[in-house]
Amino acid sequence: MNGKASKGEKHLMKKNEIALHRVVWCKIRYWQRLHDASDETLARYLLLSPRTLREYDHDAGNLSLKQIENFLEATGLTLEQLTSF
């Protein structure tokens, strides 16, 4: 082995990776469960509608840095704290 991944291995690695927005969204939903927060409360923290939360459950690709920043500010968390649990 030369230490380099073959094209097939690269494709497999890409397929198994989880997108950053998905990881962050899962952490936000996990925080919601830990704190028994309603969808309405979470939506208010993110400045979204509750319907958008459900859409993000399927595809969080539109989750913006501003929305994450609003959530962190509303909850008093840092990005490091959010991603550590």
C-alpha atoms as a PDB file:
ATOM      1  CA  MET A   1       0.000   0.000   0.000  1.00  0.00           C
ATOM      2  CA  ASN A   2       1.218   3.468  -0.825  1.00  0.00           C
ATOM      3  CA  GLY A   3      -0.878   5.283   1.797  1.00  0.00           C
ATOM      4  CA  LYS A   4      -3.230   6.778  -0.786  1.00  0.00           C
ATOM      5  CA  ALA A   5      -6.889   5.856  -1.027  1.00  0.00           C
ATOM      6  CA  SER A   6      -8.156   4.415  -4.290  1.00  0.00           C
ATOM      7  CA  LYS A   7     -11.009   6.086  -6.133  1.00  0.00           C
ATOM      8  CA  GLY A   8     -13.412   3.489  -4.708  1.00  0.00           C
ATOM      9  CA  GLU A   9     -12.165   4.077  -1.165  1.00  0.00           C
ATOM     10  CA  LYS A  10     -12.482   7.854  -1.595  1.00  0.00           C
ATOM     11  CA  HIS A  11     -16.070   7.425  -2.786  1.00  0.00           C
ATOM     12  CA  LEU A  12     -16.842   5.173   0.184  1.00  0.00           C
ATOM     13  CA  MET A  13     -15.314   7.666   2.640  1.00  0.00           C
ATOM     14  CA  LYS A  14     -17.326  10.532   1.136  1.00  0.00           C
ATOM     15  CA  LYS A  15     -20.536   8.500   1.304  1.00  0.00           C
ATOM     16  CA  ASN A  16     -20.040   7.684   5.003  1.00  0.00           C
ATOM     17  CA  GLU A  17     -19.235  11.253   6.080  1.00  0.00           C
ATOM     18  CA  ILE A  18     -21.948  13.280   7.777  1.00  0.00           C
ATOM     19  CA  ALA A  19     -22.286  16.872   6.604  1.00  0.00           C
ATOM     20  CA  LEU A  20     -21.400  19.527   9.174  1.00  0.00           C
ATOM     21  CA  HIS A  21     -24.851  21.148   9.002  1.00  0.00           C
ATOM     22  CA  ARG A  22     -26.416  17.763   9.812  1.00  0.00           C
ATOM     23  CA  VAL A  23     -24.127  17.253  12.821  1.00  0.00           C
ATOM     24  CA  VAL A  24     -24.899  20.731  14.162  1.00  0.00           C
ATOM     25  CA  TRP A  25     -28.628  20.234  13.592  1.00  0.00           C
ATOM     26  CA  CYS A  26     -28.560  16.925  15.479  1.00  0.00           C
ATOM     27  CA  LYS A  27     -26.733  18.607  18.369  1.00  0.00           C
ATOM     28  CA  ILE A  28     -29.345  21.374  18.478  1.00  0.00           C
ATOM     29  CA  ARG A  29     -32.182  18.837  18.534  1.00  0.00           C
ATOM     30  CA  TYR A  30     -30.320  16.875  21.235  1.00  0.00           C
ATOM     31  CA  TRP A  31     -30.012  20.059  23.313  1.00  0.00           C
ATOM     32  CA  GLN A  32     -33.765  20.562  22.859  1.00  0.00           C
ATOM     33  CA  ARG A  33     -34.486  17.094  24.234  1.00  0.00           C
ATOM     34  CA  LEU A  34     -32.084  17.525  27.157  1.00  0.00           C
ATOM     35  CA  HIS A  35     -33.784  20.777  28.155  1.00  0.00           C
ATOM     36  CA  ASP A  36     -37.332  19.646  27.375  1.00  0.00           C
ATOM     37  CA  ALA A  37     -37.793  22.665  25.104  1.00  0.00           C
ATOM     38  CA  SER A  38     -40.794  22.803  22.789  1.00  0.00           C
ATOM     39  CA  ASP A  39     -40.535  23.232  19.037  1.00  0.00           C
ATOM     40  CA  GLU A  40     -41.978  26.715  19.479  1.00  0.00           C
ATOM     41  CA  THR A  41     -39.205  27.645  21.914  1.00  0.00           C
ATOM     42  CA  LEU A  42     -36.492  26.239  19.677  1.00  0.00           C
ATOM     43  CA  ALA A  43     -37.974  28.001  16.655  1.00  0.00           C
ATOM     44  CA  ARG A  44     -37.926  31.273  18.582  1.00  0.00           C
ATOM     45  CA  TYR A  45     -34.242  30.748  19.514  1.00  0.00           C
ATOM     46  CA  LEU A  46     -33.370  30.133  15.863  1.00  0.00           C
ATOM     47  CA  LEU A  47     -35.742  32.820  14.538  1.00  0.00           C
ATOM     48  CA  LEU A  48     -37.567  30.194  12.462  1.00  0.00           C
ATOM     49  CA  SER A  49     -41.043  28.755  12.265  1.00  0.00           C
ATOM     50  CA  PRO A  50     -41.816  25.382  13.867  1.00  0.00           C
ATOM     51  CA  ARG A  51     -42.573  24.075  10.375  1.00  0.00           C
ATOM     52  CA  THR A  52     -39.029  24.941   9.260  1.00  0.00           C
ATOM     53  CA  LEU A  53     -37.679  22.884  12.167  1.00  0.00           C
ATOM     54  CA  ARG A  54     -39.430  19.827  10.779  1.00  0.00           C
ATOM     55  CA  GLU A  55     -38.069  20.584   7.308  1.00  0.00           C
ATOM     56  CA  TYR A  56     -34.564  20.800   8.767  1.00  0.00           C
ATOM     57  CA  ASP A  57     -35.083  17.357  10.317  1.00  0.00           C
ATOM     58  CA  HIS A  58     -35.079  16.035   6.745  1.00  0.00           C
ATOM     59  CA  ASP A  59     -32.469  18.400   5.292  1.00  0.00           C
ATOM     60  CA  ALA A  60     -30.656  20.968   7.399  1.00  0.00           C
ATOM     61  CA  GLY A  61     -28.712  22.284   4.405  1.00  0.00           C
ATOM     62  CA  ASN A  62     -30.293  25.732   4.766  1.00  0.00           C
ATOM     63  CA  LEU A  63     -29.264  26.105   8.409  1.00  0.00           C
ATOM     64  CA  SER A  64     -27.312  29.350   8.437  1.00  0.00           C
ATOM     65  CA  LEU A  65     -24.486  30.590  10.612  1.00  0.00           C
ATOM     66  CA  LYS A  66     -26.770  33.435  11.703  1.00  0.00           C
ATOM     67  CA  GLN A  67     -29.379  30.949  12.931  1.00  0.00           C
ATOM     68  CA  ILE A  68     -26.714  29.008  14.832  1.00  0.00           C
ATOM     69  CA  GLU A  69     -25.434  32.274  16.283  1.00  0.00           C
ATOM     70  CA  ASN A  70     -28.989  33.226  17.383  1.00  0.00           C
ATOM     71  CA  PHE A  71     -29.388  29.841  19.067  1.00  0.00           C
ATOM     72  CA  LEU A  72     -26.053  30.116  20.886  1.00  0.00           C
ATOM     73  CA  GLU A  73     -26.863  33.640  22.048  1.00  0.00           C
ATOM     74  CA  ALA A  74     -30.347  32.663  23.261  1.00  0.00           C
ATOM     75  CA  THR A  75     -29.068  29.627  25.173  1.00  0.00           C
ATOM     76  CA  GLY A  76     -25.798  31.079  26.456  1.00  0.00           C
ATOM     77  CA  LEU A  77     -23.846  28.213  24.882  1.00  0.00           C
ATOM     78  CA  THR A  78     -20.624  28.452  22.944  1.00  0.00           C
ATOM     79  CA  LEU A  79     -20.096  26.554  19.720  1.00  0.00           C
ATOM     80  CA  GLU A  80     -17.578  24.366  21.541  1.00  0.00           C
ATOM     81  CA  GLN A  81     -20.135  23.508  24.226  1.00  0.00           C
ATOM     82  CA  LEU A  82     -22.781  22.718  21.631  1.00  0.00           C
ATOM     83  CA  THR A  83     -20.538  20.351  19.707  1.00  0.00           C
ATOM     84  CA  SER A  84     -19.135  18.619  22.806  1.00  0.00           C
ATOM     85  CA  PHE A  85     -22.314  16.819  23.872  1.00  0.00           C
END
